[in-house]
Protein backbone atom coordinates (compact mmCIF):
# COMPACT_ATOMS: atom_id res chain seq x y z
CA MET A 1 -0.48 2.62 20.51
CA ASN A 2 -3.96 2.53 21.10
CA ILE A 3 -6.78 2.97 18.89
CA HIS A 4 -6.73 6.79 19.89
CA ASP A 5 -3.22 7.41 19.27
CA LEU A 6 -3.87 5.49 15.82
CA THR A 7 -6.75 7.87 14.81
CA SER A 8 -4.70 10.90 15.95
CA MET A 9 -1.86 9.64 13.48
CA THR A 10 -3.63 8.97 10.57
CA GLY A 11 -7.05 11.28 10.78
CA LEU A 12 -9.15 8.12 10.81
CA PRO A 13 -12.10 7.87 13.04
CA ALA A 14 -11.99 4.63 15.13
CA ARG A 15 -14.99 3.10 13.12
CA GLN A 16 -13.25 3.73 9.85
CA VAL A 17 -10.04 1.51 11.38
CA ARG A 18 -12.54 -1.25 12.81
CA TYR A 19 -14.01 -1.55 9.33
CA LEU A 20 -10.53 -2.05 7.76
CA VAL A 21 -9.63 -4.82 10.50
CA SER A 22 -13.22 -6.36 9.97
CA GLU A 23 -12.80 -6.40 6.11
CA GLY A 24 -9.46 -7.52 6.02
CA PHE A 25 -7.44 -4.38 4.90
CA MET A 26 -5.08 -4.34 8.13
CA PRO A 27 -4.15 -7.18 10.71
CA SER A 28 -6.08 -7.33 13.85
CA PRO A 29 -4.61 -5.52 16.76
CA THR A 30 -3.14 -7.35 19.63
CA GLY A 31 -4.19 -7.37 22.99
CA GLY A 32 -7.73 -8.24 22.76
CA ARG A 33 -10.55 -5.78 22.39
CA SER A 34 -10.39 -3.99 25.70
CA ASN A 35 -6.66 -3.66 25.28
CA ALA A 36 -6.06 -3.38 21.59
CA HIS A 37 -2.35 -2.44 20.60
CA TYR A 38 -1.76 -1.12 17.26
CA GLY A 39 1.78 -1.12 15.38
CA ASP A 40 4.04 -0.12 12.46
CA ALA A 41 2.24 -2.75 10.40
CA HIS A 42 -0.96 -0.90 10.79
CA LEU A 43 0.07 2.33 10.37
CA GLN A 44 1.65 0.88 6.85
CA ALA A 45 -1.67 -0.94 5.92
CA ILE A 46 -3.79 2.53 6.91
CA ARG A 47 -1.76 4.31 4.69
CA ARG A 48 -1.90 1.62 1.30
CA TYR A 49 -5.42 1.74 1.76
CA LEU A 50 -5.65 5.39 1.78
CA ARG A 51 -3.43 5.88 -1.13
CA LEU A 52 -4.90 3.11 -3.36
CA LYS A 53 -8.32 4.89 -2.46
CA ASP A 54 -6.97 8.49 -3.43
CA LEU A 55 -5.80 6.48 -6.49
CA GLY A 56 -9.53 5.89 -7.47
CA PHE A 57 -9.51 2.38 -6.57
CA PRO A 58 -13.06 1.05 -4.99
CA PRO A 59 -12.52 -1.17 -1.67
CA ALA A 60 -13.41 -4.39 -3.99
CA ALA A 61 -10.47 -3.63 -6.18
CA ILE A 62 -8.43 -2.73 -3.19
CA ARG A 63 -9.26 -6.15 -1.94
CA ARG A 64 -8.12 -8.16 -5.26
CA LEU A 65 -4.80 -5.83 -5.44
CA LEU A 66 -3.64 -6.70 -2.07
CA GLU A 67 -4.91 -10.07 -2.38
CA ALA A 68 -2.57 -10.23 -5.68
CA LYS A 69 0.55 -12.46 -5.54
CA THR A 70 2.07 -11.04 -8.76
CA GLY A 71 1.45 -7.54 -7.33
CA ALA A 72 -0.55 -4.49 -8.42
CA PRO A 73 -0.67 -3.01 -12.00
CA PHE A 74 -0.12 0.29 -12.74
CA PRO A 75 0.02 1.04 -16.67
CA ILE A 76 2.39 3.98 -17.68
CA ALA A 77 1.91 3.80 -21.30
CA ASP A 78 0.87 1.66 -24.43
CA GLY A 79 2.92 -1.85 -23.63
CA VAL A 80 4.55 -0.25 -20.20
CA THR A 81 3.04 -1.52 -16.95
CA LEU A 82 4.55 -1.45 -13.37
CA ILE A 83 3.94 -3.71 -11.45
CA VAL A 84 4.28 -3.03 -7.56
CA ALA A 85 4.12 -5.60 -4.44
CA PRO A 86 1.01 -4.75 -2.45
CA GLU A 87 2.90 -4.25 0.83
CA LEU A 88 4.77 -1.50 -0.52
CA ILE A 89 1.86 0.46 -1.53
CA GLY A 90 1.82 3.87 0.60
CA ALA A 91 5.05 2.46 2.40
CA ALA A 92 7.92 5.28 2.60
CA CYS A 93 10.75 4.11 0.36
CA ASP A 94 14.19 5.97 -1.67
CA GLN A 95 11.95 7.07 -4.30
CA GLU A 96 14.97 9.08 -6.13
CA HIS A 97 16.78 5.73 -5.99
CA LEU A 98 14.08 4.01 -7.71
CA LEU A 99 13.39 6.59 -10.11
CA ALA A 100 17.32 6.52 -10.90
CA ARG A 101 17.23 3.05 -11.51
CA THR A 102 13.92 2.88 -13.60
CA GLN A 103 15.55 5.67 -15.93
CA GLU A 104 18.59 3.31 -16.21
CA LEU A 105 16.33 0.44 -16.77
CA PHE A 106 14.79 2.16 -19.63
CA ALA A 107 17.65 3.46 -21.27
CA GLN A 108 19.02 -0.10 -21.49
CA ILE A 109 15.89 -1.83 -22.54
CA PHE A 110 15.02 0.83 -25.42
CA GLN A 111 18.59 0.84 -26.56
CA GLY A 112 18.52 -2.84 -27.17
CA GLU A 113 21.17 -3.62 -24.04
CA VAL A 114 19.16 -5.82 -22.01
CA GLN A 115 18.40 -9.34 -23.24
């Protein structure tokens, strides 16, 4: 897709897309400047950036989270922090499965069933 398709799909102006590329929040398009092509990786990068921004992260913090090798920490409660791989933030996933698995794991942990 070209930049016009990308901006239509995301609601971002072309200038914002170019900012995200120049600042390293998303990969450069293929095909050169006059024939730039964007794909699913660009859509996912924009969604991830916007989701983190919606969660209150400033650009500098988003950059650090994306560069983190161990993942992005999200405190849940005292003593409990969820670590999410940066590439998964803003990505579509089976949330029901993740919630069910998390609930099972918490039940095992707090009932002493996990080593």
